[in-house]
Amino acid sequence: MHLALDEARRAYDEGEIPIGCVVVCKDRVIARTHNLTETLCDVTAHAEMQAITAAANTLGGKYLTDCTLYVTVEPCPMCAGALGWAQVPRIVYGCEDEKRGYRLYAPRALHPKANVTGGTLEEECRQLMQDFFKSRR
């Protein structure tokens, strides 16, 4: 999660919503990404979507069945659906997204056997988001 926070900080510095993501496969980092929605002018360029694409390209296949995805904020419904289709078996996130998180809108979007852990480095993840939005107001 520390690497995902580093990515979130990079996003912050680039003017992106500070969400970072890392995919680990068999104890090896295979993707490190952050939000790129502003940079790419693409509402789908969330950190998780970028990470899924990068990890799939690294592994040479669309299923990430041996991977763990770490993300600083709870995935949105779109990202949760993509994680489900990619069959990611383990998702670890930092802070909840009380307004747009998948648990509120799409609690069954992930793969049925997915193991989810929330609250990892929660305060650091939340503080980064709060600082970002305070600076925008």
N, C-alpha and C. Protein backbone atom coordinates (compact mmCIF):
# COMPACT_ATOMS: atom_id res chain seq x y z
N MET A 1 0.82 -1.20 0.00
CA MET A 1 0.00 0.00 0.00
C MET A 1 0.86 1.26 0.00
N HIS A 2 2.06 1.16 0.54
CA HIS A 2 2.96 2.32 0.52
C HIS A 2 3.28 2.73 -0.92
N LEU A 3 3.46 1.76 -1.80
CA LEU A 3 3.72 2.07 -3.21
C LEU A 3 2.51 2.72 -3.86
N ALA A 4 1.32 2.26 -3.51
CA ALA A 4 0.09 2.87 -4.04
C ALA A 4 -0.03 4.31 -3.55
N LEU A 5 0.33 4.56 -2.30
CA LEU A 5 0.32 5.93 -1.78
C LEU A 5 1.33 6.81 -2.52
N ASP A 6 2.48 6.26 -2.85
CA ASP A 6 3.45 7.02 -3.65
C ASP A 6 2.84 7.41 -4.99
N GLU A 7 2.12 6.49 -5.61
CA GLU A 7 1.45 6.79 -6.88
C GLU A 7 0.38 7.85 -6.69
N ALA A 8 -0.36 7.77 -5.60
CA ALA A 8 -1.40 8.78 -5.32
C ALA A 8 -0.77 10.16 -5.16
N ARG A 9 0.37 10.21 -4.53
CA ARG A 9 1.07 11.49 -4.37
C ARG A 9 1.53 12.04 -5.73
N ARG A 10 1.95 11.16 -6.61
CA ARG A 10 2.32 11.59 -7.98
C ARG A 10 1.10 12.19 -8.68
N ALA A 11 -0.05 11.52 -8.51
CA ALA A 11 -1.28 12.04 -9.10
C ALA A 11 -1.59 13.44 -8.55
N TYR A 12 -1.47 13.58 -7.26
CA TYR A 12 -1.71 14.87 -6.60
C TYR A 12 -0.83 15.95 -7.23
N ASP A 13 0.45 15.65 -7.36
CA ASP A 13 1.41 16.60 -7.92
C ASP A 13 1.09 16.95 -9.37
N GLU A 14 0.43 16.05 -10.08
CA GLU A 14 0.06 16.27 -11.48
C GLU A 14 -1.32 16.89 -11.63
N GLY A 15 -1.98 17.18 -10.51
CA GLY A 15 -3.32 17.77 -10.57
C GLY A 15 -4.43 16.77 -10.80
N GLU A 16 -4.11 15.50 -10.63
CA GLU A 16 -5.11 14.44 -10.75
C GLU A 16 -5.68 14.13 -9.37
N ILE A 17 -6.89 13.59 -9.31
CA ILE A 17 -7.42 13.12 -8.04
C ILE A 17 -6.43 12.08 -7.52
N PRO A 18 -5.96 12.23 -6.29
CA PRO A 18 -4.85 11.40 -5.80
C PRO A 18 -5.24 9.98 -5.38
N ILE A 19 -5.40 9.15 -6.38
CA ILE A 19 -5.64 7.73 -6.15
C ILE A 19 -4.53 6.97 -6.86
N GLY A 20 -3.89 6.10 -6.10
CA GLY A 20 -2.81 5.29 -6.64
C GLY A 20 -3.14 3.82 -6.53
N CYS A 21 -2.51 3.03 -7.40
CA CYS A 21 -2.82 1.61 -7.46
C CYS A 21 -1.57 0.82 -7.83
N VAL A 22 -1.45 -0.36 -7.23
CA VAL A 22 -0.34 -1.27 -7.51
C VAL A 22 -0.91 -2.67 -7.64
N VAL A 23 -0.39 -3.42 -8.60
CA VAL A 23 -0.76 -4.83 -8.74
C VAL A 23 0.48 -5.67 -8.48
N VAL A 24 0.31 -6.66 -7.60
CA VAL A 24 1.40 -7.57 -7.24
C VAL A 24 1.00 -8.97 -7.67
N CYS A 25 1.93 -9.65 -8.33
CA CYS A 25 1.71 -11.03 -8.76
C CYS A 25 2.90 -11.87 -8.29
N LYS A 26 2.61 -12.84 -7.46
CA LYS A 26 3.65 -13.74 -6.95
C LYS A 26 4.84 -12.95 -6.39
N ASP A 27 4.52 -12.03 -5.49
CA ASP A 27 5.52 -11.21 -4.79
C ASP A 27 6.31 -10.26 -5.69
N ARG A 28 5.77 -9.97 -6.87
CA ARG A 28 6.45 -9.05 -7.80
C ARG A 28 5.48 -7.96 -8.22
N VAL A 29 5.88 -6.71 -8.13
CA VAL A 29 5.05 -5.60 -8.60
C VAL A 29 5.04 -5.64 -10.13
N ILE A 30 3.85 -5.75 -10.70
CA ILE A 30 3.75 -5.80 -12.16
C ILE A 30 3.05 -4.58 -12.74
N ALA A 31 2.47 -3.74 -11.88
CA ALA A 31 1.85 -2.50 -12.36
C ALA A 31 1.83 -1.48 -11.24
N ARG A 32 2.16 -0.24 -11.59
CA ARG A 32 2.09 0.91 -10.67
C ARG A 32 1.46 2.04 -11.45
N THR A 33 0.31 2.50 -10.99
CA THR A 33 -0.44 3.51 -11.74
C THR A 33 -1.13 4.50 -10.81
N HIS A 34 -1.64 5.55 -11.41
CA HIS A 34 -2.47 6.50 -10.68
C HIS A 34 -3.51 7.07 -11.65
N ASN A 35 -4.45 7.82 -11.10
CA ASN A 35 -5.49 8.40 -11.95
C ASN A 35 -4.88 9.23 -13.06
N LEU A 36 -5.45 9.11 -14.24
CA LEU A 36 -5.01 9.90 -15.39
C LEU A 36 -6.19 10.53 -16.12
N THR A 37 -7.31 10.73 -15.42
CA THR A 37 -8.52 11.22 -16.09
C THR A 37 -8.33 12.61 -16.68
N GLU A 38 -7.62 13.48 -15.99
CA GLU A 38 -7.37 14.84 -16.51
C GLU A 38 -6.35 14.81 -17.64
N THR A 39 -5.27 14.10 -17.42
CA THR A 39 -4.19 14.03 -18.40
C THR A 39 -4.66 13.47 -19.73
N LEU A 40 -5.46 12.40 -19.67
CA LEU A 40 -5.92 11.74 -20.88
C LEU A 40 -7.29 12.22 -21.36
N CYS A 41 -7.90 13.14 -20.61
CA CYS A 41 -9.27 13.59 -20.91
C CYS A 41 -10.19 12.39 -21.09
N ASP A 42 -10.12 11.47 -20.15
CA ASP A 42 -10.84 10.20 -20.24
C ASP A 42 -11.41 9.86 -18.86
N VAL A 43 -12.73 9.87 -18.75
CA VAL A 43 -13.35 9.59 -17.45
C VAL A 43 -13.13 8.16 -16.99
N THR A 44 -12.71 7.27 -17.87
CA THR A 44 -12.46 5.88 -17.48
C THR A 44 -11.01 5.62 -17.07
N ALA A 45 -10.18 6.63 -17.08
CA ALA A 45 -8.75 6.45 -16.81
C ALA A 45 -8.45 6.45 -15.31
N HIS A 46 -9.25 5.72 -14.55
CA HIS A 46 -9.02 5.57 -13.11
C HIS A 46 -7.77 4.74 -12.88
N ALA A 47 -7.19 4.88 -11.70
CA ALA A 47 -5.96 4.16 -11.36
C ALA A 47 -6.13 2.65 -11.54
N GLU A 48 -7.27 2.11 -11.09
CA GLU A 48 -7.49 0.66 -11.20
C GLU A 48 -7.57 0.21 -12.65
N MET A 49 -8.23 1.00 -13.48
CA MET A 49 -8.36 0.63 -14.90
C MET A 49 -6.98 0.63 -15.57
N GLN A 50 -6.18 1.63 -15.23
CA GLN A 50 -4.82 1.69 -15.78
C GLN A 50 -4.00 0.48 -15.30
N ALA A 51 -4.19 0.12 -14.03
CA ALA A 51 -3.44 -0.99 -13.44
C ALA A 51 -3.84 -2.33 -14.05
N ILE A 52 -5.12 -2.52 -14.27
CA ILE A 52 -5.60 -3.76 -14.88
C ILE A 52 -4.98 -3.92 -16.26
N THR A 53 -5.01 -2.86 -17.05
CA THR A 53 -4.44 -2.90 -18.40
C THR A 53 -2.94 -3.19 -18.36
N ALA A 54 -2.22 -2.48 -17.50
CA ALA A 54 -0.76 -2.67 -17.41
C ALA A 54 -0.43 -4.08 -16.95
N ALA A 55 -1.14 -4.58 -15.95
CA ALA A 55 -0.87 -5.92 -15.43
C ALA A 55 -1.19 -6.99 -16.47
N ALA A 56 -2.30 -6.83 -17.16
CA ALA A 56 -2.67 -7.80 -18.20
C ALA A 56 -1.63 -7.81 -19.32
N ASN A 57 -1.14 -6.64 -19.70
CA ASN A 57 -0.10 -6.58 -20.73
C ASN A 57 1.19 -7.25 -20.26
N THR A 58 1.54 -7.05 -18.99
CA THR A 58 2.75 -7.67 -18.44
C THR A 58 2.62 -9.19 -18.43
N LEU A 59 1.45 -9.67 -18.02
CA LEU A 59 1.24 -11.12 -17.92
C LEU A 59 0.89 -11.78 -19.25
N GLY A 60 0.46 -10.98 -20.22
CA GLY A 60 0.09 -11.54 -21.51
C GLY A 60 -1.27 -12.22 -21.53
N GLY A 61 -2.16 -11.80 -20.65
CA GLY A 61 -3.50 -12.36 -20.62
C GLY A 61 -4.43 -11.46 -19.83
N LYS A 62 -5.74 -11.62 -20.05
CA LYS A 62 -6.71 -10.70 -19.45
C LYS A 62 -7.10 -11.05 -18.02
N TYR A 63 -6.79 -12.23 -17.55
CA TYR A 63 -7.17 -12.63 -16.20
C TYR A 63 -5.99 -12.45 -15.24
N LEU A 64 -6.30 -11.86 -14.10
CA LEU A 64 -5.27 -11.56 -13.09
C LEU A 64 -5.50 -12.45 -11.86
N THR A 65 -5.62 -13.73 -12.10
CA THR A 65 -6.03 -14.68 -11.06
C THR A 65 -4.98 -14.94 -9.98
N ASP A 66 -3.75 -14.54 -10.20
CA ASP A 66 -2.70 -14.73 -9.19
C ASP A 66 -2.24 -13.40 -8.60
N CYS A 67 -3.10 -12.39 -8.69
CA CYS A 67 -2.68 -11.04 -8.33
C CYS A 67 -3.44 -10.48 -7.13
N THR A 68 -2.81 -9.51 -6.50
CA THR A 68 -3.44 -8.68 -5.49
C THR A 68 -3.37 -7.24 -5.99
N LEU A 69 -4.49 -6.55 -5.91
CA LEU A 69 -4.53 -5.14 -6.30
C LEU A 69 -4.65 -4.30 -5.04
N TYR A 70 -3.74 -3.33 -4.91
CA TYR A 70 -3.75 -2.38 -3.80
C TYR A 70 -4.14 -1.02 -4.36
N VAL A 71 -5.13 -0.38 -3.76
CA VAL A 71 -5.58 0.93 -4.22
C VAL A 71 -5.89 1.79 -3.00
N THR A 72 -5.59 3.07 -3.11
CA THR A 72 -5.69 3.95 -1.94
C THR A 72 -7.12 4.29 -1.55
N VAL A 73 -8.05 4.20 -2.48
CA VAL A 73 -9.45 4.50 -2.20
C VAL A 73 -10.32 3.35 -2.72
N GLU A 74 -11.39 3.05 -2.00
CA GLU A 74 -12.33 2.01 -2.41
C GLU A 74 -12.70 2.18 -3.89
N PRO A 75 -12.65 1.11 -4.67
CA PRO A 75 -13.00 1.22 -6.09
C PRO A 75 -14.44 1.68 -6.32
N CYS A 76 -14.63 2.38 -7.41
CA CYS A 76 -15.97 2.78 -7.83
C CYS A 76 -16.65 1.57 -8.50
N PRO A 77 -17.93 1.65 -8.82
CA PRO A 77 -18.60 0.53 -9.48
C PRO A 77 -17.96 0.12 -10.82
N MET A 78 -17.51 1.09 -11.61
CA MET A 78 -16.86 0.77 -12.89
C MET A 78 -15.61 -0.06 -12.67
N CYS A 79 -14.77 0.38 -11.74
CA CYS A 79 -13.53 -0.33 -11.48
C CYS A 79 -13.78 -1.69 -10.83
N ALA A 80 -14.76 -1.75 -9.95
CA ALA A 80 -15.11 -3.03 -9.32
C ALA A 80 -15.58 -4.02 -10.38
N GLY A 81 -16.35 -3.56 -11.34
CA GLY A 81 -16.79 -4.44 -12.42
C GLY A 81 -15.61 -4.95 -13.23
N ALA A 82 -14.67 -4.06 -13.53
CA ALA A 82 -13.48 -4.47 -14.29
C ALA A 82 -12.64 -5.46 -13.48
N LEU A 83 -12.53 -5.21 -12.18
CA LEU A 83 -11.78 -6.15 -11.32
C LEU A 83 -12.47 -7.51 -11.29
N GLY A 84 -13.78 -7.50 -11.31
CA GLY A 84 -14.53 -8.76 -11.37
C GLY A 84 -14.28 -9.50 -12.67
N TRP A 85 -14.35 -8.78 -13.78
CA TRP A 85 -14.11 -9.43 -15.09
C TRP A 85 -12.68 -9.94 -15.20
N ALA A 86 -11.73 -9.22 -14.59
CA ALA A 86 -10.32 -9.65 -14.62
C ALA A 86 -10.05 -10.77 -13.61
N GLN A 87 -11.05 -11.09 -12.81
CA GLN A 87 -10.96 -12.17 -11.82
C GLN A 87 -9.86 -11.95 -10.79
N VAL A 88 -9.71 -10.70 -10.36
CA VAL A 88 -8.72 -10.38 -9.33
C VAL A 88 -9.21 -11.00 -8.02
N PRO A 89 -8.41 -11.88 -7.43
CA PRO A 89 -8.87 -12.60 -6.24
C PRO A 89 -8.72 -11.83 -4.93
N ARG A 90 -7.89 -10.78 -4.93
CA ARG A 90 -7.66 -10.05 -3.67
C ARG A 90 -7.53 -8.57 -3.97
N ILE A 91 -8.34 -7.78 -3.27
CA ILE A 91 -8.31 -6.33 -3.40
C ILE A 91 -8.10 -5.75 -2.01
N VAL A 92 -7.14 -4.85 -1.91
CA VAL A 92 -6.84 -4.17 -0.65
C VAL A 92 -6.96 -2.67 -0.92
N TYR A 93 -7.80 -1.98 -0.13
CA TYR A 93 -7.92 -0.54 -0.34
C TYR A 93 -7.71 0.21 0.96
N GLY A 94 -7.40 1.49 0.80
CA GLY A 94 -7.12 2.34 1.95
C GLY A 94 -8.38 2.86 2.61
N CYS A 95 -8.92 3.94 2.10
CA CYS A 95 -10.11 4.54 2.71
C CYS A 95 -11.35 4.27 1.87
N GLU A 96 -12.48 4.35 2.55
CA GLU A 96 -13.76 4.16 1.86
C GLU A 96 -14.08 5.37 1.01
N ASP A 97 -14.87 5.14 -0.03
CA ASP A 97 -15.45 6.22 -0.82
C ASP A 97 -16.94 6.22 -0.52
N GLU A 98 -17.33 7.05 0.43
CA GLU A 98 -18.70 7.03 0.92
C GLU A 98 -19.71 7.52 -0.10
N LYS A 99 -19.27 8.28 -1.10
CA LYS A 99 -20.20 8.83 -2.09
C LYS A 99 -20.28 8.01 -3.37
N ARG A 100 -19.18 7.37 -3.77
CA ARG A 100 -19.13 6.69 -5.06
C ARG A 100 -18.56 5.29 -5.02
N GLY A 101 -18.37 4.74 -3.84
CA GLY A 101 -17.75 3.42 -3.71
C GLY A 101 -18.63 2.28 -4.20
N TYR A 102 -17.99 1.22 -4.63
CA TYR A 102 -18.72 0.08 -5.19
C TYR A 102 -19.65 -0.57 -4.17
N ARG A 103 -19.26 -0.54 -2.90
CA ARG A 103 -20.07 -1.22 -1.88
C ARG A 103 -21.47 -0.62 -1.77
N LEU A 104 -21.59 0.66 -2.07
CA LEU A 104 -22.89 1.33 -2.02
C LEU A 104 -23.72 1.02 -3.26
N TYR A 105 -23.11 1.09 -4.44
CA TYR A 105 -23.85 0.97 -5.69
C TYR A 105 -23.79 -0.41 -6.35
N ALA A 106 -22.72 -1.12 -6.15
CA ALA A 106 -22.55 -2.40 -6.86
C ALA A 106 -21.81 -3.40 -5.97
N PRO A 107 -22.40 -3.78 -4.85
CA PRO A 107 -21.68 -4.63 -3.89
C PRO A 107 -21.35 -6.03 -4.42
N ARG A 108 -21.96 -6.44 -5.51
CA ARG A 108 -21.67 -7.77 -6.06
C ARG A 108 -20.87 -7.70 -7.36
N ALA A 109 -20.24 -6.57 -7.63
CA ALA A 109 -19.51 -6.40 -8.89
C ALA A 109 -18.21 -7.18 -8.95
N LEU A 110 -17.56 -7.36 -7.81
CA LEU A 110 -16.30 -8.09 -7.80
C LEU A 110 -16.55 -9.57 -8.05
N HIS A 111 -15.48 -10.30 -8.35
CA HIS A 111 -15.59 -11.75 -8.52
C HIS A 111 -16.15 -12.34 -7.22
N PRO A 112 -17.04 -13.32 -7.32
CA PRO A 112 -17.66 -13.88 -6.11
C PRO A 112 -16.67 -14.44 -5.09
N LYS A 113 -15.51 -14.86 -5.52
CA LYS A 113 -14.52 -15.41 -4.60
C LYS A 113 -13.48 -14.39 -4.16
N ALA A 114 -13.66 -13.14 -4.56
CA ALA A 114 -12.69 -12.10 -4.22
C ALA A 114 -12.67 -11.84 -2.72
N ASN A 115 -11.47 -11.65 -2.21
CA ASN A 115 -11.25 -11.31 -0.81
C ASN A 115 -10.90 -9.83 -0.77
N VAL A 116 -11.67 -9.06 0.00
CA VAL A 116 -11.48 -7.61 0.07
C VAL A 116 -11.08 -7.20 1.48
N THR A 117 -10.04 -6.37 1.55
CA THR A 117 -9.60 -5.82 2.82
C THR A 117 -9.59 -4.30 2.70
N GLY A 118 -10.35 -3.64 3.54
CA GLY A 118 -10.38 -2.18 3.54
C GLY A 118 -9.70 -1.64 4.78
N GLY A 119 -9.33 -0.37 4.73
CA GLY A 119 -8.77 0.28 5.90
C GLY A 119 -7.27 0.20 6.05
N THR A 120 -6.57 -0.25 5.03
CA THR A 120 -5.11 -0.34 5.09
C THR A 120 -4.51 1.05 4.84
N LEU A 121 -3.75 1.54 5.80
CA LEU A 121 -3.21 2.91 5.77
C LEU A 121 -4.34 3.93 5.51
N GLU A 122 -5.46 3.65 6.14
CA GLU A 122 -6.69 4.42 5.91
C GLU A 122 -6.50 5.91 6.15
N GLU A 123 -5.91 6.28 7.26
CA GLU A 123 -5.80 7.70 7.60
C GLU A 123 -4.93 8.44 6.59
N GLU A 124 -3.81 7.86 6.18
CA GLU A 124 -2.94 8.50 5.19
C GLU A 124 -3.66 8.68 3.86
N CYS A 125 -4.40 7.66 3.44
CA CYS A 125 -5.14 7.72 2.18
C CYS A 125 -6.23 8.79 2.24
N ARG A 126 -6.98 8.81 3.33
CA ARG A 126 -8.06 9.79 3.50
C ARG A 126 -7.51 11.20 3.54
N GLN A 127 -6.41 11.39 4.29
CA GLN A 127 -5.84 12.73 4.44
C GLN A 127 -5.37 13.29 3.09
N LEU A 128 -4.78 12.46 2.27
CA LEU A 128 -4.34 12.90 0.95
C LEU A 128 -5.53 13.37 0.11
N MET A 129 -6.61 12.63 0.14
CA MET A 129 -7.82 13.03 -0.60
C MET A 129 -8.38 14.34 -0.04
N GLN A 130 -8.46 14.45 1.28
CA GLN A 130 -9.00 15.67 1.89
C GLN A 130 -8.13 16.88 1.56
N ASP A 131 -6.83 16.71 1.62
CA ASP A 131 -5.91 17.82 1.29
C ASP A 131 -6.11 18.25 -0.16
N PHE A 132 -6.26 17.29 -1.05
CA PHE A 132 -6.43 17.61 -2.47
C PHE A 132 -7.69 18.44 -2.68
N PHE A 133 -8.81 17.99 -2.13
CA PHE A 133 -10.06 18.70 -2.38
C PHE A 133 -10.12 20.04 -1.64
N LYS A 134 -9.45 20.16 -0.50
CA LYS A 134 -9.36 21.46 0.17
C LYS A 134 -8.60 22.45 -0.70
N SER A 135 -7.56 21.98 -1.35
CA SER A 135 -6.75 22.87 -2.19
C SER A 135 -7.50 23.31 -3.44
N ARG A 136 -8.53 22.58 -3.82
CA ARG A 136 -9.32 22.90 -5.00
C ARG A 136 -10.46 23.86 -4.72
N ARG A 137 -10.81 24.01 -3.45
CA ARG A 137 -11.98 24.86 -3.11
C ARG A 137 -11.58 26.28 -2.87
